Amino acid sequence: IGKWFDVRCINLDKALLYLVCLLDGIVSGDYVV
């Protein structure tokens, strides 16, 4: 949800960590974004 990703308030390093942790198990197979 782009509207909820406010770069003024979000730590982008932590956002990257969250992305990697959330998707790591999902991307082992086919997926859609």
PDB file of all heavy atoms in Angstrom:
ATOM      1  N   ILE A   1       0.863  -1.184   0.000  1.00  0.00           N
ATOM      2  CA  ILE A   1       0.000   0.000   0.000  1.00  0.00           C
ATOM      3  C   ILE A   1       0.898   1.232   0.000  1.00  0.00           C
ATOM      4  O   ILE A   1       1.490   1.581   1.031  1.00  0.00           O
ATOM      5  CB  ILE A   1      -0.927   0.020   1.249  1.00  0.00           C
ATOM      6  CG1 ILE A   1      -1.684  -1.300   1.418  1.00  0.00           C
ATOM      7  CG2 ILE A   1      -1.865   1.231   1.191  1.00  0.00           C
ATOM      8  CD1 ILE A   1      -2.698  -1.603   0.343  1.00  0.00           C
ATOM      9  N   GLY A   2       1.015   1.888  -1.143  1.00  0.00           N
ATOM     10  CA  GLY A   2       1.914   3.030  -1.281  1.00  0.00           C
ATOM     11  C   GLY A   2       1.603   4.179  -0.349  1.00  0.00           C
ATOM     12  O   GLY A   2       2.507   4.813   0.196  1.00  0.00           O
ATOM     13  N   LYS A   3       0.337   4.452  -0.132  1.00  0.00           N
ATOM     14  CA  LYS A   3      -0.078   5.579   0.720  1.00  0.00           C
ATOM     15  C   LYS A   3       0.439   5.428   2.153  1.00  0.00           C
ATOM     16  O   LYS A   3       0.683   6.407   2.838  1.00  0.00           O
ATOM     17  CB  LYS A   3      -1.603   5.694   0.715  1.00  0.00           C
ATOM     18  CG  LYS A   3      -2.133   6.823   1.568  1.00  0.00           C
ATOM     19  CD  LYS A   3      -3.650   6.874   1.538  1.00  0.00           C
ATOM     20  CE  LYS A   3      -4.152   7.938   2.496  1.00  0.00           C
ATOM     21  NZ  LYS A   3      -5.600   7.988   2.537  1.00  0.00           N
ATOM     22  N   TRP A   4       0.609   4.223   2.601  1.00  0.00           N
ATOM     23  CA  TRP A   4       1.036   3.979   3.978  1.00  0.00           C
ATOM     24  C   TRP A   4       2.556   3.853   4.116  1.00  0.00           C
ATOM     25  O   TRP A   4       3.056   3.542   5.188  1.00  0.00           O
ATOM     26  CB  TRP A   4       0.347   2.746   4.530  1.00  0.00           C
ATOM     27  CG  TRP A   4      -1.130   2.950   4.724  1.00  0.00           C
ATOM     28  CD1 TRP A   4      -1.820   4.137   4.690  1.00  0.00           C
ATOM     29  CD2 TRP A   4      -2.096   1.952   4.988  1.00  0.00           C
ATOM     30  NE1 TRP A   4      -3.154   3.927   4.903  1.00  0.00           N
ATOM     31  CE2 TRP A   4      -3.360   2.589   5.101  1.00  0.00           C
ATOM     32  CE3 TRP A   4      -2.038   0.581   5.148  1.00  0.00           C
ATOM     33  CZ2 TRP A   4      -4.533   1.897   5.357  1.00  0.00           C
ATOM     34  CZ3 TRP A   4      -3.208  -0.107   5.402  1.00  0.00           C
ATOM     35  CH2 TRP A   4      -4.428   0.543   5.506  1.00  0.00           C
ATOM     36  N   PHE A   5       3.281   4.094   3.027  1.00  0.00           N
ATOM     37  CA  PHE A   5       4.748   4.043   3.055  1.00  0.00           C
ATOM     38  C   PHE A   5       5.264   5.485   2.994  1.00  0.00           C
ATOM     39  O   PHE A   5       5.583   5.999   1.934  1.00  0.00           O
ATOM     40  CB  PHE A   5       5.266   3.214   1.866  1.00  0.00           C
ATOM     41  CG  PHE A   5       6.729   2.911   1.937  1.00  0.00           C
ATOM     42  CD1 PHE A   5       7.194   1.927   2.789  1.00  0.00           C
ATOM     43  CD2 PHE A   5       7.643   3.597   1.149  1.00  0.00           C
ATOM     44  CE1 PHE A   5       8.558   1.636   2.855  1.00  0.00           C
ATOM     45  CE2 PHE A   5       9.001   3.307   1.210  1.00  0.00           C
ATOM     46  CZ  PHE A   5       9.455   2.322   2.060  1.00  0.00           C
ATOM     47  N   ASP A   6       5.295   6.133   4.132  1.00  0.00           N
ATOM     48  CA  ASP A   6       5.703   7.537   4.218  1.00  0.00           C
ATOM     49  C   ASP A   6       7.205   7.605   4.475  1.00  0.00           C
ATOM     50  O   ASP A   6       7.658   7.346   5.591  1.00  0.00           O
ATOM     51  CB  ASP A   6       4.923   8.246   5.331  1.00  0.00           C
ATOM     52  CG  ASP A   6       5.132   9.744   5.331  1.00  0.00           C
ATOM     53  OD1 ASP A   6       6.138  10.235   4.784  1.00  0.00           O
ATOM     54  OD2 ASP A   6       4.266  10.441   5.892  1.00  0.00           O
ATOM     55  N   VAL A   7       7.978   7.952   3.446  1.00  0.00           N
ATOM     56  CA  VAL A   7       9.440   7.945   3.557  1.00  0.00           C
ATOM     57  C   VAL A   7       9.958   8.981   4.551  1.00  0.00           C
ATOM     58  O   VAL A   7      11.096   8.892   4.988  1.00  0.00           O
ATOM     59  CB  VAL A   7      10.126   8.120   2.179  1.00  0.00           C
ATOM     60  CG1 VAL A   7       9.834   6.940   1.273  1.00  0.00           C
ATOM     61  CG2 VAL A   7       9.742   9.415   1.521  1.00  0.00           C
ATOM     62  N   ARG A   8       9.125   9.924   4.937  1.00  0.00           N
ATOM     63  CA  ARG A   8       9.537  10.919   5.934  1.00  0.00           C
ATOM     64  C   ARG A   8       9.550  10.316   7.336  1.00  0.00           C
ATOM     65  O   ARG A   8      10.258  10.802   8.210  1.00  0.00           O
ATOM     66  CB  ARG A   8       8.606  12.126   5.927  1.00  0.00           C
ATOM     67  CG  ARG A   8       8.543  12.848   4.585  1.00  0.00           C
ATOM     68  CD  ARG A   8       7.432  13.861   4.573  1.00  0.00           C
ATOM     69  NE  ARG A   8       6.157  13.177   4.819  1.00  0.00           N
ATOM     70  CZ  ARG A   8       4.981  13.781   4.848  1.00  0.00           C
ATOM     71  NH1 ARG A   8       4.896  15.079   4.656  1.00  0.00           N
ATOM     72  NH2 ARG A   8       3.876  13.094   5.061  1.00  0.00           N
ATOM     73  N   CYS A   9       8.775   9.265   7.539  1.00  0.00           N
ATOM     74  CA  CYS A   9       8.613   8.682   8.879  1.00  0.00           C
ATOM     75  C   CYS A   9       9.190   7.274   9.000  1.00  0.00           C
ATOM     76  O   CYS A   9       9.360   6.778  10.108  1.00  0.00           O
ATOM     77  CB  CYS A   9       7.127   8.620   9.235  1.00  0.00           C
ATOM     78  SG  CYS A   9       6.279  10.185   9.127  1.00  0.00           S
ATOM     79  N   ILE A  10       9.446   6.633   7.897  1.00  0.00           N
ATOM     80  CA  ILE A  10       9.888   5.230   7.920  1.00  0.00           C
ATOM     81  C   ILE A  10      11.402   5.162   7.793  1.00  0.00           C
ATOM     82  O   ILE A  10      12.003   5.814   6.938  1.00  0.00           O
ATOM     83  CB  ILE A  10       9.215   4.435   6.784  1.00  0.00           C
ATOM     84  CG1 ILE A  10       7.735   4.250   7.089  1.00  0.00           C
ATOM     85  CG2 ILE A  10       9.881   3.091   6.570  1.00  0.00           C
ATOM     86  CD1 ILE A  10       6.957   3.486   6.041  1.00  0.00           C
ATOM     87  N   ASN A  11      11.992   4.330   8.617  1.00  0.00           N
ATOM     88  CA  ASN A  11      13.414   4.043   8.524  1.00  0.00           C
ATOM     89  C   ASN A  11      13.597   3.069   7.350  1.00  0.00           C
ATOM     90  O   ASN A  11      13.148   1.918   7.423  1.00  0.00           O
ATOM     91  CB  ASN A  11      13.895   3.431   9.843  1.00  0.00           C
ATOM     92  CG  ASN A  11      15.348   3.033   9.819  1.00  0.00           C
ATOM     93  OD1 ASN A  11      15.874   2.568   8.811  1.00  0.00           O
ATOM     94  ND2 ASN A  11      16.001   3.196  10.952  1.00  0.00           N
ATOM     95  N   LEU A  12      14.210   3.531   6.268  1.00  0.00           N
ATOM     96  CA  LEU A  12      14.311   2.707   5.054  1.00  0.00           C
ATOM     97  C   LEU A  12      15.188   1.478   5.255  1.00  0.00           C
ATOM     98  O   LEU A  12      14.961   0.441   4.610  1.00  0.00           O
ATOM     99  CB  LEU A  12      14.809   3.546   3.885  1.00  0.00           C
ATOM    100  CG  LEU A  12      13.841   4.626   3.408  1.00  0.00           C
ATOM    101  CD1 LEU A  12      14.453   5.432   2.269  1.00  0.00           C
ATOM    102  CD2 LEU A  12      12.511   4.034   2.974  1.00  0.00           C
ATOM    103  N   ASP A  13      16.160   1.544   6.159  1.00  0.00           N
ATOM    104  CA  ASP A  13      16.968   0.351   6.445  1.00  0.00           C
ATOM    105  C   ASP A  13      16.101  -0.728   7.088  1.00  0.00           C
ATOM    106  O   ASP A  13      16.179  -1.900   6.736  1.00  0.00           O
ATOM    107  CB  ASP A  13      18.146   0.701   7.356  1.00  0.00           C
ATOM    108  CG  ASP A  13      19.169   1.582   6.652  1.00  0.00           C
ATOM    109  OD1 ASP A  13      19.283   1.496   5.409  1.00  0.00           O
ATOM    110  OD2 ASP A  13      19.851   2.366   7.354  1.00  0.00           O
ATOM    111  N   LYS A  14      15.256  -0.314   8.028  1.00  0.00           N
ATOM    112  CA  LYS A  14      14.347  -1.279   8.667  1.00  0.00           C
ATOM    113  C   LYS A  14      13.287  -1.763   7.677  1.00  0.00           C
ATOM    114  O   LYS A  14      12.870  -2.914   7.729  1.00  0.00           O
ATOM    115  CB  LYS A  14      13.684  -0.662   9.896  1.00  0.00           C
ATOM    116  CG  LYS A  14      14.600  -0.597  11.096  1.00  0.00           C
ATOM    117  CD  LYS A  14      13.829  -0.218  12.330  1.00  0.00           C
ATOM    118  CE  LYS A  14      14.717  -0.353  13.544  1.00  0.00           C
ATOM    119  NZ  LYS A  14      13.959  -0.290  14.797  1.00  0.00           N
ATOM    120  N   ALA A  15      12.852  -0.880   6.794  1.00  0.00           N
ATOM    121  CA  ALA A  15      11.872  -1.280   5.783  1.00  0.00           C
ATOM    122  C   ALA A  15      12.447  -2.385   4.900  1.00  0.00           C
ATOM    123  O   ALA A  15      11.751  -3.345   4.565  1.00  0.00           O
ATOM    124  CB  ALA A  15      11.448  -0.085   4.941  1.00  0.00           C
ATOM    125  N   LEU A  16      13.706  -2.259   4.542  1.00  0.00           N
ATOM    126  CA  LEU A  16      14.361  -3.295   3.738  1.00  0.00           C
ATOM    127  C   LEU A  16      14.445  -4.602   4.517  1.00  0.00           C
ATOM    128  O   LEU A  16      14.165  -5.678   3.969  1.00  0.00           O
ATOM    129  CB  LEU A  16      15.753  -2.836   3.296  1.00  0.00           C
ATOM    130  CG  LEU A  16      16.585  -3.856   2.539  1.00  0.00           C
ATOM    131  CD1 LEU A  16      15.874  -4.359   1.288  1.00  0.00           C
ATOM    132  CD2 LEU A  16      17.943  -3.263   2.185  1.00  0.00           C
ATOM    133  N   LEU A  17      14.799  -4.530   5.791  1.00  0.00           N
ATOM    134  CA  LEU A  17      14.860  -5.740   6.620  1.00  0.00           C
ATOM    135  C   LEU A  17      13.488  -6.409   6.698  1.00  0.00           C
ATOM    136  O   LEU A  17      13.377  -7.630   6.604  1.00  0.00           O
ATOM    137  CB  LEU A  17      15.357  -5.400   8.026  1.00  0.00           C
ATOM    138  CG  LEU A  17      16.802  -4.930   8.153  1.00  0.00           C
ATOM    139  CD1 LEU A  17      17.108  -4.542   9.599  1.00  0.00           C
ATOM    140  CD2 LEU A  17      17.782  -5.973   7.653  1.00  0.00           C
ATOM    141  N   TYR A  18      12.447  -5.601   6.870  1.00  0.00           N
ATOM    142  CA  TYR A  18      11.083  -6.141   6.948  1.00  0.00           C
ATOM    143  C   TYR A  18      10.691  -6.814   5.629  1.00  0.00           C
ATOM    144  O   TYR A  18      10.132  -7.916   5.617  1.00  0.00           O
ATOM    145  CB  TYR A  18      10.097  -5.025   7.305  1.00  0.00           C
ATOM    146  CG  TYR A  18       8.684  -5.517   7.449  1.00  0.00           C
ATOM    147  CD1 TYR A  18       8.302  -6.303   8.531  1.00  0.00           C
ATOM    148  CD2 TYR A  18       7.720  -5.216   6.493  1.00  0.00           C
ATOM    149  CE1 TYR A  18       7.003  -6.771   8.663  1.00  0.00           C
ATOM    150  CE2 TYR A  18       6.417  -5.679   6.619  1.00  0.00           C
ATOM    151  CZ  TYR A  18       6.069  -6.456   7.700  1.00  0.00           C
ATOM    152  OH  TYR A  18       4.785  -6.919   7.821  1.00  0.00           O
ATOM    153  N   LEU A  19      10.998  -6.168   4.519  1.00  0.00           N
ATOM    154  CA  LEU A  19      10.713  -6.728   3.196  1.00  0.00           C
ATOM    155  C   LEU A  19      11.382  -8.092   3.038  1.00  0.00           C
ATOM    156  O   LEU A  19      10.740  -9.065   2.636  1.00  0.00           O
ATOM    157  CB  LEU A  19      11.202  -5.764   2.107  1.00  0.00           C
ATOM    158  CG  LEU A  19      11.166  -6.289   0.674  1.00  0.00           C
ATOM    159  CD1 LEU A  19       9.748  -6.186   0.124  1.00  0.00           C
ATOM    160  CD2 LEU A  19      12.119  -5.523  -0.198  1.00  0.00           C
ATOM    161  N   VAL A  20      12.650  -8.164   3.366  1.00  0.00           N
ATOM    162  CA  VAL A  20      13.416  -9.407   3.222  1.00  0.00           C
ATOM    163  C   VAL A  20      12.834 -10.502   4.121  1.00  0.00           C
ATOM    164  O   VAL A  20      12.627 -11.629   3.685  1.00  0.00           O
ATOM    165  CB  VAL A  20      14.910  -9.148   3.528  1.00  0.00           C
ATOM    166  CG1 VAL A  20      15.671 -10.436   3.734  1.00  0.00           C
ATOM    167  CG2 VAL A  20      15.541  -8.327   2.414  1.00  0.00           C
ATOM    168  N   CYS A  21      12.542 -10.156   5.377  1.00  0.00           N
ATOM    169  CA  CYS A  21      12.009 -11.162   6.314  1.00  0.00           C
ATOM    170  C   CYS A  21      10.618 -11.640   5.910  1.00  0.00           C
ATOM    171  O   CYS A  21      10.323 -12.829   5.989  1.00  0.00           O
ATOM    172  CB  CYS A  21      11.979 -10.597   7.729  1.00  0.00           C
ATOM    173  SG  CYS A  21      13.608 -10.457   8.455  1.00  0.00           S
ATOM    174  N   LEU A  22       9.762 -10.721   5.489  1.00  0.00           N
ATOM    175  CA  LEU A  22       8.403 -11.103   5.094  1.00  0.00           C
ATOM    176  C   LEU A  22       8.406 -11.969   3.834  1.00  0.00           C
ATOM    177  O   LEU A  22       7.699 -12.966   3.752  1.00  0.00           O
ATOM    178  CB  LEU A  22       7.541  -9.864   4.853  1.00  0.00           C
ATOM    179  CG  LEU A  22       6.118 -10.151   4.385  1.00  0.00           C
ATOM    180  CD1 LEU A  22       5.263 -10.662   5.543  1.00  0.00           C
ATOM    181  CD2 LEU A  22       5.480  -8.919   3.784  1.00  0.00           C
ATOM    182  N   LEU A  23       9.203 -11.589   2.870  1.00  0.00           N
ATOM    183  CA  LEU A  23       9.144 -12.264   1.576  1.00  0.00           C
ATOM    184  C   LEU A  23      10.024 -13.503   1.458  1.00  0.00           C
ATOM    185  O   LEU A  23       9.823 -14.302   0.550  1.00  0.00           O
ATOM    186  CB  LEU A  23       9.500 -11.287   0.459  1.00  0.00           C
ATOM    187  CG  LEU A  23       8.536 -10.138   0.243  1.00  0.00           C
ATOM    188  CD1 LEU A  23       8.975  -9.284  -0.928  1.00  0.00           C
ATOM    189  CD2 LEU A  23       7.129 -10.635   0.028  1.00  0.00           C
ATOM    190  N   ASP A  24      10.993 -13.674   2.332  1.00  0.00           N
ATOM    191  CA  ASP A  24      11.949 -14.771   2.167  1.00  0.00           C
ATOM    192  C   ASP A  24      11.269 -16.125   1.989  1.00  0.00           C
ATOM    193  O   ASP A  24      11.622 -16.866   1.080  1.00  0.00           O
ATOM    194  CB  ASP A  24      12.930 -14.820   3.335  1.00  0.00           C
ATOM    195  CG  ASP A  24      14.018 -15.845   3.099  1.00  0.00           C
ATOM    196  OD1 ASP A  24      14.805 -15.652   2.140  1.00  0.00           O
ATOM    197  OD2 ASP A  24      14.063 -16.853   3.831  1.00  0.00           O
ATOM    198  N   GLY A  25      10.304 -16.457   2.806  1.00  0.00           N
ATOM    199  CA  GLY A  25       9.614 -17.737   2.670  1.00  0.00           C
ATOM    200  C   GLY A  25       8.660 -17.778   1.495  1.00  0.00           C
ATOM    201  O   GLY A  25       8.467 -18.814   0.868  1.00  0.00           O
ATOM    202  N   ILE A  26       8.069 -16.655   1.167  1.00  0.00           N
ATOM    203  CA  ILE A  26       7.085 -16.586   0.081  1.00  0.00           C
ATOM    204  C   ILE A  26       7.740 -16.779  -1.277  1.00  0.00           C
ATOM    205  O   ILE A  26       7.214 -17.489  -2.132  1.00  0.00           O
ATOM    206  CB  ILE A  26       6.329 -15.238   0.127  1.00  0.00           C
ATOM    207  CG1 ILE A  26       5.484 -15.148   1.402  1.00  0.00           C
ATOM    208  CG2 ILE A  26       5.462 -15.044  -1.111  1.00  0.00           C
ATOM    209  CD1 ILE A  26       4.855 -13.792   1.648  1.00  0.00           C
ATOM    210  N   VAL A  27       8.901 -16.171  -1.491  1.00  0.00           N
ATOM    211  CA  VAL A  27       9.512 -16.169  -2.821  1.00  0.00           C
ATOM    212  C   VAL A  27      10.236 -17.470  -3.171  1.00  0.00           C
ATOM    213  O   VAL A  27      10.787 -17.584  -4.256  1.00  0.00           O
ATOM    214  CB  VAL A  27      10.467 -14.971  -3.015  1.00  0.00           C
ATOM    215  CG1 VAL A  27       9.732 -13.669  -2.815  1.00  0.00           C
ATOM    216  CG2 VAL A  27      11.679 -15.063  -2.111  1.00  0.00           C
ATOM    217  N   SER A  28      10.196 -18.454  -2.278  1.00  0.00           N
ATOM    218  CA  SER A  28      10.800 -19.742  -2.621  1.00  0.00           C
ATOM    219  C   SER A  28       9.980 -20.452  -3.698  1.00  0.00           C
ATOM    220  O   SER A  28      10.453 -21.359  -4.360  1.00  0.00           O
ATOM    221  CB  SER A  28      10.947 -20.618  -1.382  1.00  0.00           C
ATOM    222  OG  SER A  28       9.686 -20.820  -0.790  1.00  0.00           O
ATOM    223  N   GLY A  29       8.736 -19.995  -3.878  1.00  0.00           N
ATOM    224  CA  GLY A  29       7.869 -20.493  -4.946  1.00  0.00           C
ATOM    225  C   GLY A  29       7.298 -19.312  -5.713  1.00  0.00           C
ATOM    226  O   GLY A  29       7.637 -18.155  -5.438  1.00  0.00           O
ATOM    227  N   ASP A  30       6.429 -19.592  -6.661  1.00  0.00           N
ATOM    228  CA  ASP A  30       5.812 -18.521  -7.444  1.00  0.00           C
ATOM    229  C   ASP A  30       4.964 -17.616  -6.551  1.00  0.00           C
ATOM    230  O   ASP A  30       4.347 -18.090  -5.585  1.00  0.00           O
ATOM    231  CB  ASP A  30       4.919 -19.120  -8.535  1.00  0.00           C
ATOM    232  CG  ASP A  30       5.705 -19.893  -9.580  1.00  0.00           C
ATOM    233  OD1 ASP A  30       6.954 -19.765  -9.602  1.00  0.00           O
ATOM    234  OD2 ASP A  30       5.079 -20.609 -10.370  1.00  0.00           O
ATOM    235  N   TYR A  31       4.925 -16.328  -6.889  1.00  0.00           N
ATOM    236  CA  TYR A  31       4.132 -15.363  -6.128  1.00  0.00           C
ATOM    237  C   TYR A  31       3.767 -14.182  -7.020  1.00  0.00           C
ATOM    238  O   TYR A  31       4.320 -14.007  -8.113  1.00  0.00           O
ATOM    239  CB  TYR A  31       4.881 -14.891  -4.875  1.00  0.00           C
ATOM    240  CG  TYR A  31       6.084 -14.021  -5.174  1.00  0.00           C
ATOM    241  CD1 TYR A  31       6.044 -12.638  -4.976  1.00  0.00           C
ATOM    242  CD2 TYR A  31       7.269 -14.565  -5.648  1.00  0.00           C
ATOM    243  CE1 TYR A  31       7.139 -11.842  -5.256  1.00  0.00           C
ATOM    244  CE2 TYR A  31       8.367 -13.768  -5.930  1.00  0.00           C
ATOM    245  CZ  TYR A  31       8.301 -12.409  -5.721  1.00  0.00           C
ATOM    246  OH  TYR A  31       9.388 -11.617  -6.005  1.00  0.00           O
ATOM    247  N   VAL A  32       2.825 -13.363  -6.533  1.00  0.00           N
ATOM    248  CA  VAL A  32       2.326 -12.194  -7.257  1.00  0.00           C
ATOM    249  C   VAL A  32       2.362 -11.000  -6.301  1.00  0.00           C
ATOM    250  O   VAL A  32       2.107 -11.162  -5.108  1.00  0.00           O
ATOM    251  CB  VAL A  32       0.876 -12.446  -7.741  1.00  0.00           C
ATOM    252  CG1 VAL A  32       0.275 -11.214  -8.364  1.00  0.00           C
ATOM    253  CG2 VAL A  32       0.836 -13.611  -8.720  1.00  0.00           C
ATOM    254  N   VAL A  33       2.671  -9.824  -6.835  1.00  0.00           N
ATOM    255  CA  VAL A  33       2.668  -8.601  -6.033  1.00  0.00           C
ATOM    256  C   VAL A  33       1.617  -7.641  -6.589  1.00  0.00           C
ATOM    257  O   VAL A  33       1.521  -7.461  -7.806  1.00  0.00           O
ATOM    258  CB  VAL A  33       4.053  -7.910  -6.042  1.00  0.00           C
ATOM    259  CG1 VAL A  33       4.005  -6.561  -5.325  1.00  0.00           C
ATOM    260  CG2 VAL A  33       5.115  -8.806  -5.422  1.00  0.00           C
TER     261      VAL A  33
END
